[in-house]
C-alpha cells in the first residue's frame, strides 16, 4: 500500500511540474523583425 501511495504522489508531482512548464512556454511570444526577418522571443516584462 505504501508503494502505491508513493507512486501516486510521484505521478501527481510530475503532472503538476509538466503543467507549470507548459504554461510558461505559452507566455513567451515569438516576434519577427520586419526589416531583416530575424525571429526572437519577446522578453518578459519585469525582467523575468
N, C-alpha and C. Protein backbone atom coordinates (compact mmCIF):
# COMPACT_ATOMS: atom_id res chain seq x y z
N UNK A 1 0.83 -1.20 0.00
CA UNK A 1 0.00 0.00 0.00
C UNK A 1 0.86 1.25 0.00
N UNK A 2 1.96 1.22 0.74
CA UNK A 2 2.84 2.39 0.82
C UNK A 2 3.50 2.67 -0.54
N UNK A 3 3.83 1.61 -1.28
CA UNK A 3 4.44 1.80 -2.60
C UNK A 3 3.44 2.44 -3.57
N UNK A 4 2.19 2.04 -3.46
CA UNK A 4 1.15 2.60 -4.32
C UNK A 4 0.95 4.09 -4.06
N UNK A 5 0.92 4.46 -2.79
CA UNK A 5 0.75 5.88 -2.44
C UNK A 5 1.96 6.70 -2.90
N UNK A 6 3.16 6.14 -2.76
CA UNK A 6 4.36 6.84 -3.21
C UNK A 6 4.33 7.03 -4.72
N UNK A 7 3.95 6.00 -5.44
CA UNK A 7 3.86 6.08 -6.90
C UNK A 7 2.83 7.12 -7.33
N UNK A 8 1.69 7.16 -6.64
CA UNK A 8 0.67 8.15 -6.96
C UNK A 8 1.16 9.58 -6.69
N UNK A 9 1.86 9.77 -5.58
CA UNK A 9 2.38 11.11 -5.26
C UNK A 9 3.41 11.55 -6.30
N UNK A 10 4.28 10.65 -6.73
CA UNK A 10 5.28 10.98 -7.75
C UNK A 10 4.58 11.34 -9.06
N UNK A 11 3.55 10.61 -9.42
CA UNK A 11 2.83 10.88 -10.66
C UNK A 11 2.15 12.25 -10.60
N UNK A 12 1.54 12.59 -9.47
CA UNK A 12 0.87 13.88 -9.32
C UNK A 12 1.90 15.02 -9.39
N UNK A 13 3.04 14.85 -8.75
CA UNK A 13 4.07 15.88 -8.78
C UNK A 13 4.62 16.07 -10.19
N UNK A 14 4.84 14.97 -10.91
CA UNK A 14 5.33 15.06 -12.28
C UNK A 14 4.32 15.77 -13.17
N UNK A 15 3.04 15.46 -12.99
CA UNK A 15 2.00 16.10 -13.78
C UNK A 15 1.94 17.60 -13.50
N UNK A 16 2.04 17.98 -12.24
CA UNK A 16 1.96 19.41 -11.90
C UNK A 16 3.17 20.17 -12.43
N UNK A 17 4.34 19.56 -12.38
CA UNK A 17 5.53 20.22 -12.93
C UNK A 17 5.43 20.38 -14.44
N UNK A 18 4.92 19.37 -15.12
CA UNK A 18 4.78 19.48 -16.57
C UNK A 18 3.72 20.52 -16.94
N UNK A 19 2.69 20.65 -16.14
CA UNK A 19 1.67 21.67 -16.39
C UNK A 19 2.26 23.07 -16.22
N UNK A 20 3.06 23.26 -15.20
CA UNK A 20 3.70 24.56 -14.98
C UNK A 20 4.66 24.90 -16.12
N UNK A 21 5.41 23.91 -16.56
CA UNK A 21 6.35 24.14 -17.66
C UNK A 21 5.61 24.47 -18.95
N UNK A 22 4.49 23.83 -19.18
CA UNK A 22 3.69 24.11 -20.38
C UNK A 22 3.11 25.50 -20.37
N UNK A 23 2.70 25.99 -19.23
CA UNK A 23 2.13 27.33 -19.13
C UNK A 23 3.21 28.38 -19.35
N UNK A 24 4.41 28.14 -18.89
CA UNK A 24 5.48 29.11 -19.03
C UNK A 24 5.84 29.32 -20.49
N UNK A 25 5.81 28.29 -21.29
CA UNK A 25 6.17 28.42 -22.71
C UNK A 25 5.16 29.28 -23.46
N UNK A 26 3.90 29.23 -23.05
CA UNK A 26 2.87 29.98 -23.76
C UNK A 26 2.97 31.48 -23.51
N UNK A 27 3.60 31.89 -22.42
CA UNK A 27 3.69 33.31 -22.10
C UNK A 27 4.65 34.05 -23.03
N UNK A 28 5.65 33.34 -23.55
CA UNK A 28 6.63 33.99 -24.42
C UNK A 28 6.05 34.10 -25.83
N UNK A 29 6.30 35.22 -26.46
CA UNK A 29 5.76 35.48 -27.78
C UNK A 29 6.90 35.59 -28.79
N UNK A 30 6.79 34.87 -29.88
CA UNK A 30 7.80 34.96 -30.93
C UNK A 30 7.53 36.22 -31.75
N UNK A 31 8.60 36.96 -32.01
CA UNK A 31 8.49 38.22 -32.75
C UNK A 31 9.42 38.14 -33.95
N UNK A 32 8.95 38.62 -35.09
CA UNK A 32 9.76 38.62 -36.31
C UNK A 32 10.03 40.06 -36.71
N UNK A 33 11.30 40.40 -36.90
CA UNK A 33 11.68 41.74 -37.31
C UNK A 33 11.25 41.96 -38.76
N UNK A 34 10.48 43.02 -39.03
CA UNK A 34 10.02 43.25 -40.40
C UNK A 34 11.16 43.67 -41.35
N UNK A 35 12.22 44.22 -40.81
CA UNK A 35 13.32 44.69 -41.66
C UNK A 35 14.23 43.54 -42.10
N UNK A 36 14.65 42.70 -41.16
CA UNK A 36 15.63 41.67 -41.50
C UNK A 36 15.07 40.25 -41.47
N UNK A 37 13.90 40.05 -40.88
CA UNK A 37 13.29 38.73 -40.83
C UNK A 37 13.77 37.86 -39.68
N UNK A 38 14.59 38.40 -38.79
CA UNK A 38 15.11 37.64 -37.65
C UNK A 38 13.99 37.38 -36.65
N UNK A 39 13.85 36.13 -36.21
CA UNK A 39 12.82 35.78 -35.24
C UNK A 39 13.46 35.61 -33.87
N UNK A 40 12.81 36.16 -32.84
CA UNK A 40 13.30 36.03 -31.48
C UNK A 40 12.12 36.00 -30.53
N UNK A 41 12.40 35.61 -29.29
CA UNK A 41 11.34 35.58 -28.27
C UNK A 41 11.33 36.89 -27.53
N UNK A 42 10.15 37.45 -27.40
CA UNK A 42 9.98 38.74 -26.72
C UNK A 42 10.33 38.58 -25.24
N UNK A 43 11.16 39.47 -24.70
CA UNK A 43 11.48 39.37 -23.27
C UNK A 43 10.24 39.59 -22.42
N UNK A 44 10.17 38.88 -21.29
CA UNK A 44 9.04 39.01 -20.38
C UNK A 44 9.12 40.35 -19.65
N UNK A 45 7.99 41.01 -19.42
CA UNK A 45 8.00 42.27 -18.70
C UNK A 45 8.49 42.07 -17.26
N UNK A 46 9.24 43.01 -16.76
CA UNK A 46 9.75 42.93 -15.40
C UNK A 46 11.06 42.19 -15.29
N UNK A 47 11.68 41.87 -16.42
CA UNK A 47 12.98 41.20 -16.41
C UNK A 47 12.92 39.74 -16.05
N UNK A 48 11.74 39.13 -16.09
CA UNK A 48 11.58 37.75 -15.68
C UNK A 48 12.06 36.80 -16.67
